[in-house]
Amino acid sequence: LVTSLMTLHHVSDVPRVLTAFSEMLANGGRLALVDLVEEDGSFHDAPFAGHNGFDTAKLARDVRASGLSDVAVRENLHNVEKEGRNYPLFLLTATKRA
């Protein structure tokens, strides 16, 4: 199992990290990512060099391209409240297949 909670949006080269996650997993291993749904950039104070959340459909494609399958996304898993605003989180899961 590889998990990431609110970290991926800080990573500059997401496809590279997804490939590394895939390589870490044994056949049948699972990936679980929880992070921000794409937002307007107000979650982090400027300047911020990371991502303003994710377009989950694009991220799912990137996960598949990394060699994982059975990709499922659940948007609005939870909301993080920050300075009176709600920021939705998603859960993305995937499996390493032989």
PDB file of N, CA and C in Angstrom:
ATOM      1  N   LEU A   1       0.840  -1.182   0.000  1.00  0.00           N
ATOM      2  CA  LEU A   1       0.000   0.000   0.000  1.00  0.00           C
ATOM      3  C   LEU A   1       0.885   1.245   0.000  1.00  0.00           C
ATOM      4  N   VAL A   2       0.572   2.181  -0.886  1.00  0.00           N
ATOM      5  CA  VAL A   2       1.202   3.494  -0.889  1.00  0.00           C
ATOM      6  C   VAL A   2       0.089   4.507  -0.673  1.00  0.00           C
ATOM      7  N   THR A   3       0.297   5.397   0.294  1.00  0.00           N
ATOM      8  CA  THR A   3      -0.696   6.433   0.561  1.00  0.00           C
ATOM      9  C   THR A   3      -0.040   7.811   0.513  1.00  0.00           C
ATOM     10  N   SER A   4      -0.843   8.792   0.201  1.00  0.00           N
ATOM     11  CA  SER A   4      -0.407  10.181   0.223  1.00  0.00           C
ATOM     12  C   SER A   4      -1.595  11.023   0.649  1.00  0.00           C
ATOM     13  N   LEU A   5      -1.385  11.840   1.658  1.00  0.00           N
ATOM     14  CA  LEU A   5      -2.448  12.687   2.180  1.00  0.00           C
ATOM     15  C   LEU A   5      -2.004  14.146   2.123  1.00  0.00           C
ATOM     16  N   MET A   6      -2.608  14.901   1.235  1.00  0.00           N
ATOM     17  CA  MET A   6      -2.364  16.344   1.108  1.00  0.00           C
ATOM     18  C   MET A   6      -0.891  16.666   0.843  1.00  0.00           C
ATOM     19  N   THR A   7      -0.214  15.789   0.120  1.00  0.00           N
ATOM     20  CA  THR A   7       1.197  16.000  -0.195  1.00  0.00           C
ATOM     21  C   THR A   7       1.415  16.211  -1.683  1.00  0.00           C
ATOM     22  N   LEU A   8       0.675  15.526  -2.513  1.00  0.00           N
ATOM     23  CA  LEU A   8       0.936  15.511  -3.948  1.00  0.00           C
ATOM     24  C   LEU A   8       0.884  16.913  -4.562  1.00  0.00           C
ATOM     25  N   HIS A   9       0.049  17.797  -4.040  1.00  0.00           N
ATOM     26  CA  HIS A   9      -0.027  19.139  -4.627  1.00  0.00           C
ATOM     27  C   HIS A   9       1.241  19.962  -4.363  1.00  0.00           C
ATOM     28  N   HIS A  10       2.137  19.453  -3.535  1.00  0.00           N
ATOM     29  CA  HIS A  10       3.433  20.110  -3.292  1.00  0.00           C
ATOM     30  C   HIS A  10       4.530  19.589  -4.221  1.00  0.00           C
ATOM     31  N   VAL A  11       4.240  18.560  -4.997  1.00  0.00           N
ATOM     32  CA  VAL A  11       5.223  17.892  -5.849  1.00  0.00           C
ATOM     33  C   VAL A  11       5.219  18.520  -7.238  1.00  0.00           C
ATOM     34  N   SER A  12       6.394  18.894  -7.733  1.00  0.00           N
ATOM     35  CA  SER A  12       6.443  19.539  -9.051  1.00  0.00           C
ATOM     36  C   SER A  12       6.229  18.542 -10.196  1.00  0.00           C
ATOM     37  N   ASP A  13       6.859  17.381 -10.131  1.00  0.00           N
ATOM     38  CA  ASP A  13       6.775  16.409 -11.228  1.00  0.00           C
ATOM     39  C   ASP A  13       5.871  15.245 -10.806  1.00  0.00           C
ATOM     40  N   VAL A  14       4.574  15.467 -10.895  1.00  0.00           N
ATOM     41  CA  VAL A  14       3.601  14.471 -10.436  1.00  0.00           C
ATOM     42  C   VAL A  14       3.705  13.163 -11.223  1.00  0.00           C
ATOM     43  N   PRO A  15       3.773  13.179 -12.558  1.00  0.00           N
ATOM     44  CA  PRO A  15       3.889  11.902 -13.276  1.00  0.00           C
ATOM     45  C   PRO A  15       5.089  11.063 -12.826  1.00  0.00           C
ATOM     46  N   ARG A  16       6.205  11.714 -12.565  1.00  0.00           N
ATOM     47  CA  ARG A  16       7.399  10.985 -12.099  1.00  0.00           C
ATOM     48  C   ARG A  16       7.136  10.315 -10.749  1.00  0.00           C
ATOM     49  N   VAL A  17       6.485  11.030  -9.836  1.00  0.00           N
ATOM     50  CA  VAL A  17       6.177  10.467  -8.519  1.00  0.00           C
ATOM     51  C   VAL A  17       5.169   9.332  -8.645  1.00  0.00           C
ATOM     52  N   LEU A  18       4.180   9.482  -9.516  1.00  0.00           N
ATOM     53  CA  LEU A  18       3.201   8.408  -9.708  1.00  0.00           C
ATOM     54  C   LEU A  18       3.879   7.148 -10.239  1.00  0.00           C
ATOM     55  N   THR A  19       4.829   7.319 -11.153  1.00  0.00           N
ATOM     56  CA  THR A  19       5.578   6.171 -11.667  1.00  0.00           C
ATOM     57  C   THR A  19       6.385   5.520 -10.546  1.00  0.00           C
ATOM     58  N   ALA A  20       6.999   6.328  -9.689  1.00  0.00           N
ATOM     59  CA  ALA A  20       7.753   5.784  -8.549  1.00  0.00           C
ATOM     60  C   ALA A  20       6.820   5.019  -7.611  1.00  0.00           C
ATOM     61  N   PHE A  21       5.638   5.573  -7.357  1.00  0.00           N
ATOM     62  CA  PHE A  21       4.665   4.860  -6.520  1.00  0.00           C
ATOM     63  C   PHE A  21       4.324   3.511  -7.146  1.00  0.00           C
ATOM     64  N   SER A  22       4.062   3.506  -8.447  1.00  0.00           N
ATOM     65  CA  SER A  22       3.711   2.272  -9.143  1.00  0.00           C
ATOM     66  C   SER A  22       4.830   1.241  -9.026  1.00  0.00           C
ATOM     67  N   GLU A  23       6.072   1.690  -9.176  1.00  0.00           N
ATOM     68  CA  GLU A  23       7.215   0.784  -9.092  1.00  0.00           C
ATOM     69  C   GLU A  23       7.405   0.225  -7.683  1.00  0.00           C
ATOM     70  N   MET A  24       6.980   0.947  -6.674  1.00  0.00           N
ATOM     71  CA  MET A  24       7.088   0.478  -5.282  1.00  0.00           C
ATOM     72  C   MET A  24       6.110  -0.646  -4.966  1.00  0.00           C
ATOM     73  N   LEU A  25       5.008  -0.675  -5.694  1.00  0.00           N
ATOM     74  CA  LEU A  25       3.941  -1.622  -5.371  1.00  0.00           C
ATOM     75  C   LEU A  25       4.196  -3.007  -5.957  1.00  0.00           C
ATOM     76  N   ALA A  26       3.900  -4.017  -5.177  1.00  0.00           N
ATOM     77  CA  ALA A  26       3.878  -5.390  -5.687  1.00  0.00           C
ATOM     78  C   ALA A  26       2.578  -5.582  -6.462  1.00  0.00           C
ATOM     79  N   ASN A  27       2.526  -6.641  -7.270  1.00  0.00           N
ATOM     80  CA  ASN A  27       1.280  -6.946  -7.963  1.00  0.00           C
ATOM     81  C   ASN A  27       0.160  -7.099  -6.944  1.00  0.00           C
ATOM     82  N   GLY A  28      -0.958  -6.452  -7.220  1.00  0.00           N
ATOM     83  CA  GLY A  28      -2.089  -6.456  -6.298  1.00  0.00           C
ATOM     84  C   GLY A  28      -2.020  -5.335  -5.272  1.00  0.00           C
ATOM     85  N   GLY A  29      -0.885  -4.605  -5.246  1.00  0.00           N
ATOM     86  CA  GLY A  29      -0.737  -3.491  -4.308  1.00  0.00           C
ATOM     87  C   GLY A  29      -1.662  -2.348  -4.659  1.00  0.00           C
ATOM     88  N   ARG A  30      -1.952  -1.518  -3.670  1.00  0.00           N
ATOM     89  CA  ARG A  30      -2.922  -0.448  -3.843  1.00  0.00           C
ATOM     90  C   ARG A  30      -2.276   0.924  -3.606  1.00  0.00           C
ATOM     91  N   LEU A  31      -2.796   1.894  -4.316  1.00  0.00           N
ATOM     92  CA  LEU A  31      -2.436   3.293  -4.154  1.00  0.00           C
ATOM     93  C   LEU A  31      -3.666   4.035  -3.657  1.00  0.00           C
ATOM     94  N   ALA A  32      -3.491   4.914  -2.670  1.00  0.00           N
ATOM     95  CA  ALA A  32      -4.582   5.753  -2.170  1.00  0.00           C
ATOM     96  C   ALA A  32      -4.056   7.175  -2.012  1.00  0.00           C
ATOM     97  N   LEU A  33      -4.661   8.092  -2.749  1.00  0.00           N
ATOM     98  CA  LEU A  33      -4.269   9.495  -2.704  1.00  0.00           C
ATOM     99  C   LEU A  33      -5.440  10.329  -2.217  1.00  0.00           C
ATOM    100  N   VAL A  34      -5.196  11.191  -1.255  1.00  0.00           N
ATOM    101  CA  VAL A  34      -6.184  12.187  -0.838  1.00  0.00           C
ATOM    102  C   VAL A  34      -5.519  13.540  -1.012  1.00  0.00           C
ATOM    103  N   ASP A  35      -6.192  14.422  -1.756  1.00  0.00           N
ATOM    104  CA  ASP A  35      -5.617  15.743  -1.990  1.00  0.00           C
ATOM    105  C   ASP A  35      -6.722  16.706  -2.400  1.00  0.00           C
ATOM    106  N   LEU A  36      -6.322  17.916  -2.717  1.00  0.00           N
ATOM    107  CA  LEU A  36      -7.251  18.984  -3.072  1.00  0.00           C
ATOM    108  C   LEU A  36      -7.802  18.831  -4.476  1.00  0.00           C
ATOM    109  N   VAL A  37      -9.097  19.032  -4.613  1.00  0.00           N
ATOM    110  CA  VAL A  37      -9.690  19.198  -5.931  1.00  0.00           C
ATOM    111  C   VAL A  37      -9.201  20.561  -6.444  1.00  0.00           C
ATOM    112  N   GLU A  38      -9.044  20.673  -7.748  1.00  0.00           N
ATOM    113  CA  GLU A  38      -8.533  21.911  -8.337  1.00  0.00           C
ATOM    114  C   GLU A  38      -9.257  23.132  -7.766  1.00  0.00           C
ATOM    115  N   GLU A  39      -8.452  24.119  -7.365  1.00  0.00           N
ATOM    116  CA  GLU A  39      -9.010  25.341  -6.760  1.00  0.00           C
ATOM    117  C   GLU A  39      -8.320  26.570  -7.340  1.00  0.00           C
ATOM    118  N   ASP A  40      -8.734  27.751  -6.915  1.00  0.00           N
ATOM    119  CA  ASP A  40      -8.283  29.004  -7.520  1.00  0.00           C
ATOM    120  C   ASP A  40      -6.927  29.517  -7.037  1.00  0.00           C
ATOM    121  N   GLY A  41      -6.243  28.751  -6.217  1.00  0.00           N
ATOM    122  CA  GLY A  41      -4.935  29.172  -5.726  1.00  0.00           C
ATOM    123  C   GLY A  41      -4.968  29.849  -4.377  1.00  0.00           C
ATOM    124  N   SER A  42      -6.138  29.956  -3.791  1.00  0.00           N
ATOM    125  CA  SER A  42      -6.256  30.653  -2.510  1.00  0.00           C
ATOM    126  C   SER A  42      -5.946  29.765  -1.311  1.00  0.00           C
ATOM    127  N   PHE A  43      -5.785  28.470  -1.513  1.00  0.00           N
ATOM    128  CA  PHE A  43      -5.501  27.582  -0.378  1.00  0.00           C
ATOM    129  C   PHE A  43      -4.149  27.902   0.247  1.00  0.00           C
ATOM    130  N   HIS A  44      -3.151  28.148  -0.604  1.00  0.00           N
ATOM    131  CA  HIS A  44      -1.805  28.496  -0.123  1.00  0.00           C
ATOM    132  C   HIS A  44      -1.562  29.971  -0.356  1.00  0.00           C
ATOM    133  N   ASP A  45      -0.841  30.567   0.564  1.00  0.00           N
ATOM    134  CA  ASP A  45      -0.435  31.949   0.369  1.00  0.00           C
ATOM    135  C   ASP A  45       0.585  32.022  -0.756  1.00  0.00           C
ATOM    136  N   ALA A  46       0.535  33.100  -1.519  1.00  0.00           N
ATOM    137  CA  ALA A  46       1.497  33.297  -2.606  1.00  0.00           C
ATOM    138  C   ALA A  46       2.836  33.692  -2.008  1.00  0.00           C
ATOM    139  N   PRO A  47       3.953  33.409  -2.615  1.00  0.00           N
ATOM    140  CA  PRO A  47       4.060  32.533  -3.782  1.00  0.00           C
ATOM    141  C   PRO A  47       4.051  31.060  -3.368  1.00  0.00           C
ATOM    142  N   PHE A  48       3.456  30.241  -4.192  1.00  0.00           N
ATOM    143  CA  PHE A  48       3.400  28.798  -3.968  1.00  0.00           C
ATOM    144  C   PHE A  48       3.784  28.115  -5.261  1.00  0.00           C
ATOM    145  N   ALA A  49       4.783  27.262  -5.217  1.00  0.00           N
ATOM    146  CA  ALA A  49       5.317  26.627  -6.423  1.00  0.00           C
ATOM    147  C   ALA A  49       4.631  25.314  -6.759  1.00  0.00           C
ATOM    148  N   GLY A  50       3.692  24.872  -5.934  1.00  0.00           N
ATOM    149  CA  GLY A  50       3.029  23.595  -6.172  1.00  0.00           C
ATOM    150  C   GLY A  50       1.817  23.737  -7.081  1.00  0.00           C
ATOM    151  N   HIS A  51       0.897  22.799  -6.934  1.00  0.00           N
ATOM    152  CA  HIS A  51      -0.325  22.760  -7.744  1.00  0.00           C
ATOM    153  C   HIS A  51      -1.489  23.295  -6.926  1.00  0.00           C
ATOM    154  N   ASN A  52      -2.396  23.959  -7.601  1.00  0.00           N
ATOM    155  CA  ASN A  52      -3.615  24.450  -6.964  1.00  0.00           C
ATOM    156  C   ASN A  52      -4.677  23.358  -7.019  1.00  0.00           C
ATOM    157  N   GLY A  53      -4.372  22.244  -6.394  1.00  0.00           N
ATOM    158  CA  GLY A  53      -5.261  21.091  -6.451  1.00  0.00           C
ATOM    159  C   GLY A  53      -5.135  20.391  -7.792  1.00  0.00           C
ATOM    160  N   PHE A  54      -6.072  19.477  -8.044  1.00  0.00           N
ATOM    161  CA  PHE A  54      -5.980  18.646  -9.253  1.00  0.00           C
ATOM    162  C   PHE A  54      -7.310  18.519  -9.969  1.00  0.00           C
ATOM    163  N   ASP A  55      -7.217  18.525 -11.289  1.00  0.00           N
ATOM    164  CA  ASP A  55      -8.316  18.075 -12.135  1.00  0.00           C
ATOM    165  C   ASP A  55      -8.279  16.557 -12.005  1.00  0.00           C
ATOM    166  N   THR A  56      -9.255  15.979 -11.349  1.00  0.00           N
ATOM    167  CA  THR A  56      -9.177  14.561 -11.012  1.00  0.00           C
ATOM    168  C   THR A  56      -9.227  13.653 -12.237  1.00  0.00           C
ATOM    169  N   ALA A  57      -9.893  14.074 -13.312  1.00  0.00           N
ATOM    170  CA  ALA A  57      -9.909  13.253 -14.526  1.00  0.00           C
ATOM    171  C   ALA A  57      -8.503  13.177 -15.130  1.00  0.00           C
ATOM    172  N   LYS A  58      -7.799  14.306 -15.158  1.00  0.00           N
ATOM    173  CA  LYS A  58      -6.417  14.300 -15.673  1.00  0.00           C
ATOM    174  C   LYS A  58      -5.513  13.487 -14.761  1.00  0.00           C
ATOM    175  N   LEU A  59      -5.652  13.652 -13.462  1.00  0.00           N
ATOM    176  CA  LEU A  59      -4.828  12.886 -12.533  1.00  0.00           C
ATOM    177  C   LEU A  59      -5.083  11.388 -12.705  1.00  0.00           C
ATOM    178  N   ALA A  60      -6.328  10.994 -12.894  1.00  0.00           N
ATOM    179  CA  ALA A  60      -6.656   9.576 -13.112  1.00  0.00           C
ATOM    180  C   ALA A  60      -5.959   9.058 -14.370  1.00  0.00           C
ATOM    181  N   ARG A  61      -5.916   9.868 -15.423  1.00  0.00           N
ATOM    182  CA  ARG A  61      -5.192   9.465 -16.647  1.00  0.00           C
ATOM    183  C   ARG A  61      -3.706   9.300 -16.357  1.00  0.00           C
ATOM    184  N   ASP A  62      -3.137  10.221 -15.573  1.00  0.00           N
ATOM    185  CA  ASP A  62      -1.721  10.127 -15.221  1.00  0.00           C
ATOM    186  C   ASP A  62      -1.435   8.875 -14.385  1.00  0.00           C
ATOM    187  N   VAL A  63      -2.348   8.524 -13.511  1.00  0.00           N
ATOM    188  CA  VAL A  63      -2.193   7.310 -12.694  1.00  0.00           C
ATOM    189  C   VAL A  63      -2.216   6.081 -13.592  1.00  0.00           C
ATOM    190  N   ARG A  64      -3.140   6.042 -14.541  1.00  0.00           N
ATOM    191  CA  ARG A  64      -3.186   4.911 -15.486  1.00  0.00           C
ATOM    192  C   ARG A  64      -1.899   4.847 -16.303  1.00  0.00           C
ATOM    193  N   ALA A  65      -1.397   5.996 -16.729  1.00  0.00           N
ATOM    194  CA  ALA A  65      -0.161   6.040 -17.523  1.00  0.00           C
ATOM    195  C   ALA A  65       1.038   5.558 -16.713  1.00  0.00           C
ATOM    196  N   SER A  66       0.949   5.619 -15.396  1.00  0.00           N
ATOM    197  CA  SER A  66       2.047   5.154 -14.544  1.00  0.00           C
ATOM    198  C   SER A  66       2.071   3.634 -14.407  1.00  0.00           C
ATOM    199  N   GLY A  67       1.049   2.962 -14.956  1.00  0.00           N
ATOM    200  CA  GLY A  67       1.023   1.502 -14.912  1.00  0.00           C
ATOM    201  C   GLY A  67       0.012   0.921 -13.939  1.00  0.00           C
ATOM    202  N   LEU A  68      -0.846   1.761 -13.372  1.00  0.00           N
ATOM    203  CA  LEU A  68      -1.857   1.268 -12.436  1.00  0.00           C
ATOM    204  C   LEU A  68      -3.205   1.167 -13.130  1.00  0.00           C
ATOM    205  N   SER A  69      -4.081   0.367 -12.567  1.00  0.00           N
ATOM    206  CA  SER A  69      -5.414   0.172 -13.152  1.00  0.00           C
ATOM    207  C   SER A  69      -6.461   0.241 -12.045  1.00  0.00           C
ATOM    208  N   ASP A  70      -7.700  -0.052 -12.427  1.00  0.00           N
ATOM    209  CA  ASP A  70      -8.825   0.001 -11.487  1.00  0.00           C
ATOM    210  C   ASP A  70      -8.857   1.345 -10.768  1.00  0.00           C
ATOM    211  N   VAL A  71      -8.621   2.404 -11.524  1.00  0.00           N
ATOM    212  CA  VAL A  71      -8.573   3.746 -10.941  1.00  0.00           C
ATOM    213  C   VAL A  71      -9.992   4.216 -10.644  1.00  0.00           C
ATOM    214  N   ALA A  72     -10.190   4.662  -9.420  1.00  0.00           N
ATOM    215  CA  ALA A  72     -11.490   5.187  -9.001  1.00  0.00           C
ATOM    216  C   ALA A  72     -11.262   6.498  -8.259  1.00  0.00           C
ATOM    217  N   VAL A  73     -12.143   7.456  -8.498  1.00  0.00           N
ATOM    218  CA  VAL A  73     -12.050   8.757  -7.841  1.00  0.00           C
ATOM    219  C   VAL A  73     -13.366   9.044  -7.137  1.00  0.00           C
ATOM    220  N   ARG A  74     -13.233   9.462  -5.900  1.00  0.00           N
ATOM    221  CA  ARG A  74     -14.394   9.937  -5.137  1.00  0.00           C
ATOM    222  C   ARG A  74     -14.124  11.391  -4.767  1.00  0.00           C
ATOM    223  N   GLU A  75     -14.828  12.289  -5.450  1.00  0.00           N
ATOM    224  CA  GLU A  75     -14.678  13.707  -5.141  1.00  0.00           C
ATOM    225  C   GLU A  75     -15.537  14.050  -3.934  1.00  0.00           C
ATOM    226  N   ASN A  76     -15.258  15.182  -3.340  1.00  0.00           N
ATOM    227  CA  ASN A  76     -15.995  15.651  -2.166  1.00  0.00           C
ATOM    228  C   ASN A  76     -15.969  14.638  -1.032  1.00  0.00           C
ATOM    229  N   LEU A  77     -14.829  14.001  -0.873  1.00  0.00           N
ATOM    230  CA  LEU A  77     -14.622  13.065   0.225  1.00  0.00           C
ATOM    231  C   LEU A  77     -14.753  13.792   1.555  1.00  0.00           C
ATOM    232  N   HIS A  78     -14.214  15.003   1.593  1.00  0.00           N
ATOM    233  CA  HIS A  78     -14.196  15.812   2.812  1.00  0.00           C
ATOM    234  C   HIS A  78     -13.895  17.246   2.385  1.00  0.00           C
ATOM    235  N   ASN A  79     -14.173  18.193   3.239  1.00  0.00           N
ATOM    236  CA  ASN A  79     -13.807  19.584   2.996  1.00  0.00           C
ATOM    237  C   ASN A  79     -12.850  20.043   4.074  1.00  0.00           C
ATOM    238  N   VAL A  80     -11.823  20.764   3.649  1.00  0.00           N
ATOM    239  CA  VAL A  80     -10.923  21.421   4.585  1.00  0.00           C
ATOM    240  C   VAL A  80     -11.371  22.876   4.656  1.00  0.00           C
ATOM    241  N   GLU A  81     -11.623  23.358   5.865  1.00  0.00           N
ATOM    242  CA  GLU A  81     -11.987  24.760   6.022  1.00  0.00           C
ATOM    243  C   GLU A  81     -10.744  25.552   6.384  1.00  0.00           C
ATOM    244  N   LYS A  82     -10.536  26.629   5.644  1.00  0.00           N
ATOM    245  CA  LYS A  82      -9.381  27.494   5.883  1.00  0.00           C
ATOM    246  C   LYS A  82      -9.822  28.934   5.657  1.00  0.00           C
ATOM    247  N   GLU A  83      -9.686  29.734   6.685  1.00  0.00           N
ATOM    248  CA  GLU A  83     -10.041  31.149   6.617  1.00  0.00           C
ATOM    249  C   GLU A  83     -11.448  31.363   6.068  1.00  0.00           C
ATOM    250  N   GLY A  84     -12.380  30.550   6.561  1.00  0.00           N
ATOM    251  CA  GLY A  84     -13.779  30.699   6.196  1.00  0.00           C
ATOM    252  C   GLY A  84     -14.174  30.125   4.850  1.00  0.00           C
ATOM    253  N   ARG A  85     -13.245  29.486   4.151  1.00  0.00           N
ATOM    254  CA  ARG A  85     -13.552  28.865   2.852  1.00  0.00           C
ATOM    255  C   ARG A  85     -13.416  27.364   2.955  1.00  0.00           C
ATOM    256  N   ASN A  86     -14.222  26.675   2.177  1.00  0.00           N
ATOM    257  CA  ASN A  86     -14.154  25.219   2.115  1.00  0.00           C
ATOM    258  C   ASN A  86     -13.421  24.791   0.851  1.00  0.00           C
ATOM    259  N   TYR A  87     -12.516  23.849   1.035  1.00  0.00           N
ATOM    260  CA  TYR A  87     -11.752  23.291  -0.070  1.00  0.00           C
ATOM    261  C   TYR A  87     -12.015  21.792  -0.108  1.00  0.00           C
ATOM    262  N   PRO A  88     -12.658  21.301  -1.181  1.00  0.00           N
ATOM    263  CA  PRO A  88     -12.971  19.873  -1.246  1.00  0.00           C
ATOM    264  C   PRO A  88     -11.735  19.013  -1.505  1.00  0.00           C
ATOM    265  N   LEU A  89     -11.758  17.826  -0.913  1.00  0.00           N
ATOM    266  CA  LEU A  89     -10.721  16.824  -1.118  1.00  0.00           C
ATOM    267  C   LEU A  89     -11.293  15.664  -1.903  1.00  0.00           C
ATOM    268  N   PHE A  90     -10.429  14.963  -2.608  1.00  0.00           N
ATOM    269  CA  PHE A  90     -10.822  13.739  -3.320  1.00  0.00           C
ATOM    270  C   PHE A  90     -10.019  12.569  -2.786  1.00  0.00           C
ATOM    271  N   LEU A  91     -10.539  11.383  -3.026  1.00  0.00           N
ATOM    272  CA  LEU A  91      -9.831  10.129  -2.789  1.00  0.00           C
ATOM    273  C   LEU A  91      -9.684   9.449  -4.140  1.00  0.00           C
ATOM    274  N   LEU A  92      -8.459   9.138  -4.511  1.00  0.00           N
ATOM    275  CA  LEU A  92      -8.189   8.364  -5.722  1.00  0.00           C
ATOM    276  C   LEU A  92      -7.542   7.067  -5.291  1.00  0.00           C
ATOM    277  N   THR A  93      -8.076   5.951  -5.771  1.00  0.00           N
ATOM    278  CA  THR A  93      -7.482   4.642  -5.491  1.00  0.00           C
ATOM    279  C   THR A  93      -7.158   3.950  -6.817  1.00  0.00           C
ATOM    280  N   ALA A  94      -6.157   3.095  -6.774  1.00  0.00           N
ATOM    281  CA  ALA A  94      -5.750   2.340  -7.961  1.00  0.00           C
ATOM    282  C   ALA A  94      -5.039   1.063  -7.498  1.00  0.00           C
ATOM    283  N   THR A  95      -4.880   0.134  -8.448  1.00  0.00           N
ATOM    284  CA  THR A  95      -4.272  -1.170  -8.155  1.00  0.00           C
ATOM    285  C   THR A  95      -3.170  -1.464  -9.161  1.00  0.00           C
ATOM    286  N   LYS A  96      -2.116  -2.102  -8.675  1.00  0.00           N
ATOM    287  CA  LYS A  96      -1.039  -2.569  -9.562  1.00  0.00           C
ATOM    288  C   LYS A  96      -1.414  -3.977 -10.033  1.00  0.00           C
ATOM    289  N   ARG A  97      -1.496  -4.140 -11.327  1.00  0.00           N
ATOM    290  CA  ARG A  97      -1.804  -5.437 -11.927  1.00  0.00           C
ATOM    291  C   ARG A  97      -0.598  -5.949 -12.683  1.00  0.00           C
ATOM    292  N   ALA A  98      -0.475  -7.265 -12.757  1.00  0.00           N
ATOM    293  CA  ALA A  98       0.645  -7.881 -13.477  1.00  0.00           C
ATOM    294  C   ALA A  98       0.578  -7.601 -14.948  1.00  0.00           C
TER     295      ALA A  98
END
